[in-house]
């Protein structure tokens, strides 16, 4: 009788596990659907699309500027302290020290 109860318990556990796996799969599919819907709505929103493009362009510009600084530093064209000092000077040229620059690119 004990073996039968153990078998019955094992079958019950198996049914429970299958039921839970089914629920998990259903929830995973719903999450995937919601992510796709959110992405679709973001792609169709022109402001979100433009923001995404601007972020990508900003990241690319940061990459190129960082690369240029490193080339200049490695070749000994300019020292790090000189770069920091010059950045501060240029930052102040537009009237405010805010780590932004709205002035002319070339003096």
C-alpha atoms as a PDB file:
ATOM      1  CA  UNK A   1       0.000   0.000   0.000  1.00  0.00           C
ATOM      2  CA  UNK A   2       2.912   2.325   0.798  1.00  0.00           C
ATOM      3  CA  UNK A   3       4.360   1.774  -2.688  1.00  0.00           C
ATOM      4  CA  UNK A   4       1.007   2.651  -4.219  1.00  0.00           C
ATOM      5  CA  UNK A   5       0.802   5.875  -2.181  1.00  0.00           C
ATOM      6  CA  UNK A   6       4.385   6.743  -3.179  1.00  0.00           C
ATOM      7  CA  UNK A   7       3.526   6.114  -6.833  1.00  0.00           C
ATOM      8  CA  UNK A   8       0.363   8.168  -6.502  1.00  0.00           C
ATOM      9  CA  UNK A   9       2.369  10.979  -4.883  1.00  0.00           C
ATOM     10  CA  UNK A  10       4.960  10.840  -7.672  1.00  0.00           C
ATOM     11  CA  UNK A  11       2.238  11.001 -10.315  1.00  0.00           C
ATOM     12  CA  UNK A  12       0.693  13.951  -8.476  1.00  0.00           C
ATOM     13  CA  UNK A  13       4.080  15.703  -8.388  1.00  0.00           C
ATOM     14  CA  UNK A  14       4.549  15.047 -12.093  1.00  0.00           C
ATOM     15  CA  UNK A  15       1.119  16.493 -12.921  1.00  0.00           C
ATOM     16  CA  UNK A  16       1.888  19.527 -10.725  1.00  0.00           C
ATOM     17  CA  UNK A  17       5.260  20.055 -12.454  1.00  0.00           C
ATOM     18  CA  UNK A  18       3.703  19.799 -15.911  1.00  0.00           C
ATOM     19  CA  UNK A  19       0.988  22.252 -14.895  1.00  0.00           C
ATOM     20  CA  UNK A  20       3.559  24.741 -13.580  1.00  0.00           C
ATOM     21  CA  UNK A  21       5.745  24.384 -16.685  1.00  0.00           C
ATOM     22  CA  UNK A  22       2.717  25.109 -18.832  1.00  0.00           C
ATOM     23  CA  UNK A  23       1.942  28.238 -16.808  1.00  0.00           C
ATOM     24  CA  UNK A  24       5.561  29.373 -17.000  1.00  0.00           C
ATOM     25  CA  UNK A  25       5.610  28.880 -20.774  1.00  0.00           C
ATOM     26  CA  UNK A  26       2.390  30.845 -21.127  1.00  0.00           C
ATOM     27  CA  UNK A  27       3.805  33.688 -19.036  1.00  0.00           C
ATOM     28  CA  UNK A  28       7.073  33.693 -21.003  1.00  0.00           C
ATOM     29  CA  UNK A  29       5.148  33.959 -24.261  1.00  0.00           C
ATOM     30  CA  UNK A  30       3.090  36.841 -22.839  1.00  0.00           C
ATOM     31  CA  UNK A  31       6.259  38.665 -21.718  1.00  0.00           C
ATOM     32  CA  UNK A  32       7.761  38.190 -25.187  1.00  0.00           C
ATOM     33  CA  UNK A  33       4.568  39.504 -26.812  1.00  0.00           C
ATOM     34  CA  UNK A  34       4.508  42.543 -24.507  1.00  0.00           C
ATOM     35  CA  UNK A  35       8.185  43.307 -25.204  1.00  0.00           C
ATOM     36  CA  UNK A  36       7.550  43.130 -28.945  1.00  0.00           C
ATOM     37  CA  UNK A  37       4.496  45.373 -28.611  1.00  0.00           C
ATOM     38  CA  UNK A  38       6.468  47.892 -26.551  1.00  0.00           C
ATOM     39  CA  UNK A  39       9.287  47.887 -29.093  1.00  0.00           C
ATOM     40  CA  UNK A  40       6.806  48.291 -31.935  1.00  0.00           C
ATOM     41  CA  UNK A  41       5.155  51.287 -30.282  1.00  0.00           C
ATOM     42  CA  UNK A  42       8.573  52.843 -29.634  1.00  0.00           C
ATOM     43  CA  UNK A  43       9.574  52.321 -33.264  1.00  0.00           C
ATOM     44  CA  UNK A  44       6.365  53.931 -34.522  1.00  0.00           C
ATOM     45  CA  UNK A  45       6.744  56.989 -32.237  1.00  0.00           C
ATOM     46  CA  UNK A  46       8.750  59.546 -34.235  1.00  0.00           C
ATOM     47  CA  UNK A  47      10.077  61.273 -31.112  1.00  0.00           C
ATOM     48  CA  UNK A  48      11.298  57.987 -29.621  1.00  0.00           C
ATOM     49  CA  UNK A  49      12.836  57.053 -32.967  1.00  0.00           C
ATOM     50  CA  UNK A  50      14.653  60.386 -33.183  1.00  0.00           C
ATOM     51  CA  UNK A  51      15.804  60.069 -29.571  1.00  0.00           C
ATOM     52  CA  UNK A  52      17.183  56.608 -30.304  1.00  0.00           C
ATOM     53  CA  UNK A  53      19.025  57.957 -33.369  1.00  0.00           C
ATOM     54  CA  UNK A  54      20.444  60.880 -31.374  1.00  0.00           C
ATOM     55  CA  UNK A  55      21.670  58.540 -28.646  1.00  0.00           C
ATOM     56  CA  UNK A  56      23.385  56.380 -31.254  1.00  0.00           C
ATOM     57  CA  UNK A  57      25.022  59.430 -32.877  1.00  0.00           C
ATOM     58  CA  UNK A  58      26.095  60.734 -29.470  1.00  0.00           C
ATOM     59  CA  UNK A  59      27.696  57.387 -28.616  1.00  0.00           C
ATOM     60  CA  UNK A  60      29.515  57.325 -31.936  1.00  0.00           C
ATOM     61  CA  UNK A  61      30.832  60.861 -31.453  1.00  0.00           C
ATOM     62  CA  UNK A  62      32.052  59.996 -27.942  1.00  0.00           C
ATOM     63  CA  UNK A  63      33.884  57.000 -29.399  1.00  0.00           C
ATOM     64  CA  UNK A  64      35.687  59.121 -32.007  1.00  0.00           C
ATOM     65  CA  UNK A  65      36.570  61.913 -29.573  1.00  0.00           C
ATOM     66  CA  UNK A  66      37.908  59.418 -27.026  1.00  0.00           C
ATOM     67  CA  UNK A  67      39.964  57.767 -29.766  1.00  0.00           C
ATOM     68  CA  UNK A  68      41.395  61.124 -30.904  1.00  0.00           C
ATOM     69  CA  UNK A  69      42.361  62.043 -27.339  1.00  0.00           C
ATOM     70  CA  UNK A  70      44.103  58.711 -26.867  1.00  0.00           C
ATOM     71  CA  UNK A  71      46.026  59.041 -30.125  1.00  0.00           C
ATOM     72  CA  UNK A  72      47.184  62.541 -29.155  1.00  0.00           C
ATOM     73  CA  UNK A  73      48.184  61.374 -25.674  1.00  0.00           C
ATOM     74  CA  UNK A  74      49.998  58.222 -26.850  1.00  0.00           C
ATOM     75  CA  UNK A  75      51.949  60.092 -29.508  1.00  0.00           C
ATOM     76  CA  UNK A  76      52.968  62.695 -26.928  1.00  0.00           C
ATOM     77  CA  UNK A  77      51.343  65.532 -28.877  1.00  0.00           C
ATOM     78  CA  UNK A  78      49.637  66.805 -25.746  1.00  0.00           C
ATOM     79  CA  UNK A  79      49.667  65.864 -22.052  1.00  0.00           C
ATOM     80  CA  UNK A  80      46.547  64.894 -20.115  1.00  0.00           C
ATOM     81  CA  UNK A  81      46.827  67.985 -17.881  1.00  0.00           C
ATOM     82  CA  UNK A  82      46.950  70.200 -20.966  1.00  0.00           C
ATOM     83  CA  UNK A  83      43.776  68.567 -22.318  1.00  0.00           C
ATOM     84  CA  UNK A  84      41.963  69.090 -18.998  1.00  0.00           C
ATOM     85  CA  UNK A  85      43.076  72.742 -18.848  1.00  0.00           C
ATOM     86  CA  UNK A  86      42.078  73.405 -22.463  1.00  0.00           C
ATOM     87  CA  UNK A  87      38.671  71.771 -21.991  1.00  0.00           C
ATOM     88  CA  UNK A  88      38.065  74.128 -19.056  1.00  0.00           C
ATOM     89  CA  UNK A  89      39.078  77.152 -21.132  1.00  0.00           C
ATOM     90  CA  UNK A  90      36.863  76.187 -24.062  1.00  0.00           C
ATOM     91  CA  UNK A  91      33.962  75.415 -21.718  1.00  0.00           C
ATOM     92  CA  UNK A  92      34.128  78.975 -20.342  1.00  0.00           C
ATOM     93  CA  UNK A  93      34.238  80.606 -23.800  1.00  0.00           C
ATOM     94  CA  UNK A  94      30.457  80.503 -24.229  1.00  0.00           C
ATOM     95  CA  UNK A  95      29.950  82.312 -20.930  1.00  0.00           C
ATOM     96  CA  UNK A  96      29.106  79.400 -18.669  1.00  0.00           C
ATOM     97  CA  UNK A  97      31.111  76.588 -17.163  1.00  0.00           C
ATOM     98  CA  UNK A  98      28.679  73.692 -17.619  1.00  0.00           C
ATOM     99  CA  UNK A  99      30.619  70.974 -19.447  1.00  0.00           C
ATOM    100  CA  UNK A 100      28.880  72.002 -22.644  1.00  0.00           C
ATOM    101  CA  UNK A 101      29.894  74.277 -25.496  1.00  0.00           C
ATOM    102  CA  UNK A 102      27.735  76.302 -27.829  1.00  0.00           C
ATOM    103  CA  UNK A 103      30.486  78.412 -29.412  1.00  0.00           C
ATOM    104  CA  UNK A 104      32.379  78.173 -32.689  1.00  0.00           C
ATOM    105  CA  UNK A 105      34.272  74.951 -33.340  1.00  0.00           C
ATOM    106  CA  UNK A 106      37.405  76.713 -34.629  1.00  0.00           C
ATOM    107  CA  UNK A 107      38.818  79.934 -33.115  1.00  0.00           C
END
